[in-house]
Amino acid sequence: MTLNEATLGQEYMIDAVDTGADEEMESFLFSLGCYSGERITVVDKKRNLVVAIKDARYNIDPELANAIKI
């Protein structure tokens, strides 16, 4: 399941980050703390997703959210 399918407010564990061959996107997600084994929560869903990772919140678009497998 991808992050786009997550339930609001529920904490998930990231299983994998699958960006295909897009190393720039993978590097960006890693810099946010999105990597296998990290906990992530979807705080809000509208056009983009607001996610909580560690002690920070980030606004990510559906394409990035689709790369995050939970």
PDB file of N, CA and C in Angstrom:
ATOM      1  N   MET A   1       0.853  -1.170   0.000  1.00  0.00           N
ATOM      2  CA  MET A   1       0.000   0.000   0.000  1.00  0.00           C
ATOM      3  C   MET A   1       0.903   1.238   0.000  1.00  0.00           C
ATOM      4  N   THR A   2       0.463   2.269  -0.683  1.00  0.00           N
ATOM      5  CA  THR A   2       1.246   3.500  -0.735  1.00  0.00           C
ATOM      6  C   THR A   2       0.710   4.501   0.289  1.00  0.00           C
ATOM      7  N   LEU A   3       1.459   5.544   0.508  1.00  0.00           N
ATOM      8  CA  LEU A   3       1.066   6.580   1.465  1.00  0.00           C
ATOM      9  C   LEU A   3      -0.221   7.286   1.025  1.00  0.00           C
ATOM     10  N   ASN A   4      -0.504   7.320  -0.277  1.00  0.00           N
ATOM     11  CA  ASN A   4      -1.744   7.929  -0.768  1.00  0.00           C
ATOM     12  C   ASN A   4      -2.980   7.213  -0.233  1.00  0.00           C
ATOM     13  N   GLU A   5      -2.840   5.950   0.142  1.00  0.00           N
ATOM     14  CA  GLU A   5      -3.961   5.146   0.631  1.00  0.00           C
ATOM     15  C   GLU A   5      -4.054   5.125   2.159  1.00  0.00           C
ATOM     16  N   ALA A   6      -3.196   5.853   2.831  1.00  0.00           N
ATOM     17  CA  ALA A   6      -3.142   5.839   4.298  1.00  0.00           C
ATOM     18  C   ALA A   6      -4.364   6.512   4.915  1.00  0.00           C
ATOM     19  N   THR A   7      -4.700   6.066   6.121  1.00  0.00           N
ATOM     20  CA  THR A   7      -5.780   6.654   6.900  1.00  0.00           C
ATOM     21  C   THR A   7      -5.227   7.831   7.698  1.00  0.00           C
ATOM     22  N   LEU A   8      -5.979   8.922   7.722  1.00  0.00           N
ATOM     23  CA  LEU A   8      -5.558  10.109   8.470  1.00  0.00           C
ATOM     24  C   LEU A   8      -5.339   9.777   9.940  1.00  0.00           C
ATOM     25  N   GLY A   9      -4.241  10.270  10.488  1.00  0.00           N
ATOM     26  CA  GLY A   9      -3.967  10.147  11.911  1.00  0.00           C
ATOM     27  C   GLY A   9      -3.387   8.826  12.353  1.00  0.00           C
ATOM     28  N   GLN A  10      -3.345   7.834  11.490  1.00  0.00           N
ATOM     29  CA  GLN A  10      -2.783   6.536  11.858  1.00  0.00           C
ATOM     30  C   GLN A  10      -1.295   6.500  11.549  1.00  0.00           C
ATOM     31  N   GLU A  11      -0.511   5.978  12.501  1.00  0.00           N
ATOM     32  CA  GLU A  11       0.933   5.878  12.299  1.00  0.00           C
ATOM     33  C   GLU A  11       1.258   4.600  11.528  1.00  0.00           C
ATOM     34  N   TYR A  12       2.135   4.729  10.568  1.00  0.00           N
ATOM     35  CA  TYR A  12       2.569   3.603   9.741  1.00  0.00           C
ATOM     36  C   TYR A  12       4.081   3.493   9.783  1.00  0.00           C
ATOM     37  N   MET A  13       4.587   2.328   9.433  1.00  0.00           N
ATOM     38  CA  MET A  13       6.012   2.099   9.279  1.00  0.00           C
ATOM     39  C   MET A  13       6.302   2.049   7.785  1.00  0.00           C
ATOM     40  N   ILE A  14       7.307   2.774   7.349  1.00  0.00           N
ATOM     41  CA  ILE A  14       7.681   2.765   5.933  1.00  0.00           C
ATOM     42  C   ILE A  14       8.359   1.434   5.616  1.00  0.00           C
ATOM     43  N   ASP A  15       7.791   0.710   4.644  1.00  0.00           N
ATOM     44  CA  ASP A  15       8.371  -0.566   4.209  1.00  0.00           C
ATOM     45  C   ASP A  15       9.481  -0.344   3.192  1.00  0.00           C
ATOM     46  N   ALA A  16       9.238   0.593   2.268  1.00  0.00           N
ATOM     47  CA  ALA A  16      10.215   0.852   1.213  1.00  0.00           C
ATOM     48  C   ALA A  16       9.918   2.190   0.556  1.00  0.00           C
ATOM     49  N   VAL A  17      10.919   2.704  -0.124  1.00  0.00           N
ATOM     50  CA  VAL A  17      10.756   3.898  -0.950  1.00  0.00           C
ATOM     51  C   VAL A  17      11.117   3.479  -2.363  1.00  0.00           C
ATOM     52  N   ASP A  18      10.118   3.497  -3.244  1.00  0.00           N
ATOM     53  CA  ASP A  18      10.291   3.026  -4.615  1.00  0.00           C
ATOM     54  C   ASP A  18      10.114   4.189  -5.585  1.00  0.00           C
ATOM     55  N   THR A  19      11.222   4.781  -5.980  1.00  0.00           N
ATOM     56  CA  THR A  19      11.191   5.917  -6.909  1.00  0.00           C
ATOM     57  C   THR A  19      11.579   5.502  -8.323  1.00  0.00           C
ATOM     58  N   GLY A  20      11.692   4.227  -8.549  1.00  0.00           N
ATOM     59  CA  GLY A  20      12.147   3.764  -9.862  1.00  0.00           C
ATOM     60  C   GLY A  20      13.607   4.134 -10.027  1.00  0.00           C
ATOM     61  N   ALA A  21      13.931   4.808 -11.098  1.00  0.00           N
ATOM     62  CA  ALA A  21      15.317   5.210 -11.358  1.00  0.00           C
ATOM     63  C   ALA A  21      15.563   6.671 -10.997  1.00  0.00           C
ATOM     64  N   ASP A  22      14.619   7.304 -10.326  1.00  0.00           N
ATOM     65  CA  ASP A  22      14.733   8.727  -9.996  1.00  0.00           C
ATOM     66  C   ASP A  22      15.546   8.916  -8.713  1.00  0.00           C
ATOM     67  N   GLU A  23      16.850   9.025  -8.877  1.00  0.00           N
ATOM     68  CA  GLU A  23      17.742   9.153  -7.719  1.00  0.00           C
ATOM     69  C   GLU A  23      17.560  10.492  -6.997  1.00  0.00           C
ATOM     70  N   GLU A  24      17.198  11.532  -7.737  1.00  0.00           N
ATOM     71  CA  GLU A  24      16.983  12.848  -7.123  1.00  0.00           C
ATOM     72  C   GLU A  24      15.784  12.799  -6.158  1.00  0.00           C
ATOM     73  N   MET A  25      14.695  12.140  -6.593  1.00  0.00           N
ATOM     74  CA  MET A  25      13.523  12.014  -5.733  1.00  0.00           C
ATOM     75  C   MET A  25      13.849  11.156  -4.509  1.00  0.00           C
ATOM     76  N   GLU A  26      14.572  10.071  -4.717  1.00  0.00           N
ATOM     77  CA  GLU A  26      14.955   9.197  -3.609  1.00  0.00           C
ATOM     78  C   GLU A  26      15.831   9.944  -2.600  1.00  0.00           C
ATOM     79  N   SER A  27      16.762  10.728  -3.080  1.00  0.00           N
ATOM     80  CA  SER A  27      17.625  11.523  -2.213  1.00  0.00           C
ATOM     81  C   SER A  27      16.824  12.559  -1.435  1.00  0.00           C
ATOM     82  N   PHE A  28      15.856  13.188  -2.098  1.00  0.00           N
ATOM     83  CA  PHE A  28      15.010  14.177  -1.435  1.00  0.00           C
ATOM     84  C   PHE A  28      14.188  13.535  -0.322  1.00  0.00           C
ATOM     85  N   LEU A  29      13.567  12.411  -0.608  1.00  0.00           N
ATOM     86  CA  LEU A  29      12.767  11.724   0.409  1.00  0.00           C
ATOM     87  C   LEU A  29      13.640  11.269   1.579  1.00  0.00           C
ATOM     88  N   PHE A  30      14.833  10.801   1.288  1.00  0.00           N
ATOM     89  CA  PHE A  30      15.752  10.393   2.343  1.00  0.00           C
ATOM     90  C   PHE A  30      16.114  11.587   3.227  1.00  0.00           C
ATOM     91  N   SER A  31      16.279  12.762   2.623  1.00  0.00           N
ATOM     92  CA  SER A  31      16.627  13.959   3.399  1.00  0.00           C
ATOM     93  C   SER A  31      15.486  14.379   4.335  1.00  0.00           C
ATOM     94  N   LEU A  32      14.250  13.996   3.989  1.00  0.00           N
ATOM     95  CA  LEU A  32      13.102  14.268   4.859  1.00  0.00           C
ATOM     96  C   LEU A  32      12.983  13.243   5.986  1.00  0.00           C
ATOM     97  N   GLY A  33      13.704  12.149   5.852  1.00  0.00           N
ATOM     98  CA  GLY A  33      13.611  11.079   6.848  1.00  0.00           C
ATOM     99  C   GLY A  33      12.756   9.923   6.385  1.00  0.00           C
ATOM    100  N   CYS A  34      12.413   9.883   5.100  1.00  0.00           N
ATOM    101  CA  CYS A  34      11.601   8.801   4.531  1.00  0.00           C
ATOM    102  C   CYS A  34      12.506   7.663   4.084  1.00  0.00           C
ATOM    103  N   TYR A  35      12.638   6.664   4.932  1.00  0.00           N
ATOM    104  CA  TYR A  35      13.400   5.478   4.577  1.00  0.00           C
ATOM    105  C   TYR A  35      12.815   4.287   5.316  1.00  0.00           C
ATOM    106  N   SER A  36      13.147   3.120   4.888  1.00  0.00           N
ATOM    107  CA  SER A  36      12.603   1.886   5.438  1.00  0.00           C
ATOM    108  C   SER A  36      12.799   1.820   6.951  1.00  0.00           C
ATOM    109  N   GLY A  37      11.717   1.488   7.659  1.00  0.00           N
ATOM    110  CA  GLY A  37      11.768   1.355   9.107  1.00  0.00           C
ATOM    111  C   GLY A  37      11.360   2.601   9.877  1.00  0.00           C
ATOM    112  N   GLU A  38      11.248   3.732   9.198  1.00  0.00           N
ATOM    113  CA  GLU A  38      10.867   4.987   9.867  1.00  0.00           C
ATOM    114  C   GLU A  38       9.352   5.060   9.991  1.00  0.00           C
ATOM    115  N   ARG A  39       8.877   5.685  11.049  1.00  0.00           N
ATOM    116  CA  ARG A  39       7.437   5.861  11.271  1.00  0.00           C
ATOM    117  C   ARG A  39       6.967   7.151  10.597  1.00  0.00           C
ATOM    118  N   ILE A  40       5.737   7.100  10.032  1.00  0.00           N
ATOM    119  CA  ILE A  40       5.172   8.234   9.318  1.00  0.00           C
ATOM    120  C   ILE A  40       3.669   8.285   9.575  1.00  0.00           C
ATOM    121  N   THR A  41       3.138   9.480   9.695  1.00  0.00           N
ATOM    122  CA  THR A  41       1.709   9.691   9.919  1.00  0.00           C
ATOM    123  C   THR A  41       1.191  10.730   8.938  1.00  0.00           C
ATOM    124  N   VAL A  42       0.057  10.446   8.299  1.00  0.00           N
ATOM    125  CA  VAL A  42      -0.587  11.426   7.431  1.00  0.00           C
ATOM    126  C   VAL A  42      -1.470  12.296   8.318  1.00  0.00           C
ATOM    127  N   VAL A  43      -1.153  13.580   8.383  1.00  0.00           N
ATOM    128  CA  VAL A  43      -1.847  14.520   9.251  1.00  0.00           C
ATOM    129  C   VAL A  43      -3.032  15.169   8.530  1.00  0.00           C
ATOM    130  N   ASP A  44      -2.897  15.406   7.214  1.00  0.00           N
ATOM    131  CA  ASP A  44      -3.957  16.048   6.455  1.00  0.00           C
ATOM    132  C   ASP A  44      -3.869  15.614   4.998  1.00  0.00           C
ATOM    133  N   LYS A  45      -5.028  15.506   4.351  1.00  0.00           N
ATOM    134  CA  LYS A  45      -5.083  15.156   2.923  1.00  0.00           C
ATOM    135  C   LYS A  45      -5.997  16.144   2.232  1.00  0.00           C
ATOM    136  N   LYS A  46      -5.465  16.866   1.296  1.00  0.00           N
ATOM    137  CA  LYS A  46      -6.275  17.708   0.413  1.00  0.00           C
ATOM    138  C   LYS A  46      -5.719  17.478  -0.977  1.00  0.00           C
ATOM    139  N   ARG A  47      -5.178  18.483  -1.603  1.00  0.00           N
ATOM    140  CA  ARG A  47      -4.519  18.263  -2.886  1.00  0.00           C
ATOM    141  C   ARG A  47      -3.197  17.551  -2.660  1.00  0.00           C
ATOM    142  N   ASN A  48      -2.478  17.982  -1.631  1.00  0.00           N
ATOM    143  CA  ASN A  48      -1.225  17.348  -1.221  1.00  0.00           C
ATOM    144  C   ASN A  48      -1.429  16.690   0.133  1.00  0.00           C
ATOM    145  N   LEU A  49      -0.436  15.966   0.612  1.00  0.00           N
ATOM    146  CA  LEU A  49      -0.505  15.323   1.913  1.00  0.00           C
ATOM    147  C   LEU A  49       0.415  16.048   2.875  1.00  0.00           C
ATOM    148  N   VAL A  50      -0.036  16.233   4.094  1.00  0.00           N
ATOM    149  CA  VAL A  50       0.815  16.737   5.160  1.00  0.00           C
ATOM    150  C   VAL A  50       1.164  15.523   6.007  1.00  0.00           C
ATOM    151  N   VAL A  51       2.465  15.253   6.129  1.00  0.00           N
ATOM    152  CA  VAL A  51       2.913  14.078   6.869  1.00  0.00           C
ATOM    153  C   VAL A  51       3.811  14.491   8.025  1.00  0.00           C
ATOM    154  N   ALA A  52       3.770  13.687   9.073  1.00  0.00           N
ATOM    155  CA  ALA A  52       4.652  13.887  10.218  1.00  0.00           C
ATOM    156  C   ALA A  52       5.686  12.776  10.210  1.00  0.00           C
ATOM    157  N   ILE A  53       6.949  13.187  10.213  1.00  0.00           N
ATOM    158  CA  ILE A  53       8.075  12.261  10.282  1.00  0.00           C
ATOM    159  C   ILE A  53       8.979  12.763  11.388  1.00  0.00           C
ATOM    160  N   LYS A  54       9.220  11.914  12.366  1.00  0.00           N
ATOM    161  CA  LYS A  54       9.968  12.313  13.556  1.00  0.00           C
ATOM    162  C   LYS A  54       9.273  13.522  14.185  1.00  0.00           C
ATOM    163  N   ASP A  55       9.943  14.636  14.380  1.00  0.00           N
ATOM    164  CA  ASP A  55       9.347  15.815  15.010  1.00  0.00           C
ATOM    165  C   ASP A  55       9.014  16.912  14.010  1.00  0.00           C
ATOM    166  N   ALA A  56       8.890  16.571  12.735  1.00  0.00           N
ATOM    167  CA  ALA A  56       8.655  17.586  11.704  1.00  0.00           C
ATOM    168  C   ALA A  56       7.434  17.216  10.853  1.00  0.00           C
ATOM    169  N   ARG A  57       6.870  18.227  10.207  1.00  0.00           N
ATOM    170  CA  ARG A  57       5.763  18.028   9.273  1.00  0.00           C
ATOM    171  C   ARG A  57       6.188  18.530   7.901  1.00  0.00           C
ATOM    172  N   TYR A  58       5.765  17.785   6.884  1.00  0.00           N
ATOM    173  CA  TYR A  58       6.117  18.131   5.512  1.00  0.00           C
ATOM    174  C   TYR A  58       4.884  18.043   4.629  1.00  0.00           C
ATOM    175  N   ASN A  59       4.838  18.882   3.615  1.00  0.00           N
ATOM    176  CA  ASN A  59       3.785  18.873   2.612  1.00  0.00           C
ATOM    177  C   ASN A  59       4.358  18.182   1.380  1.00  0.00           C
ATOM    178  N   ILE A  60       3.793  17.027   1.011  1.00  0.00           N
ATOM    179  CA  ILE A  60       4.311  16.293  -0.149  1.00  0.00           C
ATOM    180  C   ILE A  60       3.191  16.076  -1.162  1.00  0.00           C
ATOM    181  N   ASP A  61       3.577  16.039  -2.425  1.00  0.00           N
ATOM    182  CA  ASP A  61       2.577  15.859  -3.480  1.00  0.00           C
ATOM    183  C   ASP A  61       2.266  14.366  -3.658  1.00  0.00           C
ATOM    184  N   PRO A  62       1.168  14.056  -4.368  1.00  0.00           N
ATOM    185  CA  PRO A  62       0.770  12.654  -4.553  1.00  0.00           C
ATOM    186  C   PRO A  62       1.823  11.783  -5.233  1.00  0.00           C
ATOM    187  N   GLU A  63       2.640  12.365  -6.107  1.00  0.00           N
ATOM    188  CA  GLU A  63       3.688  11.582  -6.786  1.00  0.00           C
ATOM    189  C   GLU A  63       4.730  11.086  -5.772  1.00  0.00           C
ATOM    190  N   LEU A  64       5.138  11.980  -4.850  1.00  0.00           N
ATOM    191  CA  LEU A  64       6.073  11.559  -3.805  1.00  0.00           C
ATOM    192  C   LEU A  64       5.419  10.546  -2.870  1.00  0.00           C
ATOM    193  N   ALA A  65       4.170  10.789  -2.506  1.00  0.00           N
ATOM    194  CA  ALA A  65       3.450   9.890  -1.610  1.00  0.00           C
ATOM    195  C   ALA A  65       3.300   8.498  -2.230  1.00  0.00           C
ATOM    196  N   ASN A  66       3.158   8.446  -3.544  1.00  0.00           N
ATOM    197  CA  ASN A  66       3.021   7.168  -4.237  1.00  0.00           C
ATOM    198  C   ASN A  66       4.309   6.343  -4.182  1.00  0.00           C
ATOM    199  N   ALA A  67       5.436   6.984  -4.020  1.00  0.00           N
ATOM    200  CA  ALA A  67       6.725   6.286  -3.941  1.00  0.00           C
ATOM    201  C   ALA A  67       6.984   5.686  -2.569  1.00  0.00           C
ATOM    202  N   ILE A  68       6.213   6.110  -1.562  1.00  0.00           N
ATOM    203  CA  ILE A  68       6.428   5.649  -0.187  1.00  0.00           C
ATOM    204  C   ILE A  68       5.489   4.471   0.094  1.00  0.00           C
ATOM    205  N   LYS A  69       6.055   3.304   0.281  1.00  0.00           N
ATOM    206  CA  LYS A  69       5.284   2.086   0.542  1.00  0.00           C
ATOM    207  C   LYS A  69       5.209   1.845   2.049  1.00  0.00           C
ATOM    208  N   ILE A  70       3.982   1.622   2.539  1.00  0.00           N
ATOM    209  CA  ILE A  70       3.781   1.392   3.973  1.00  0.00           C
ATOM    210  C   ILE A  70       3.155   0.035   4.216  1.00  0.00           C
TER     211      ILE A  70
END
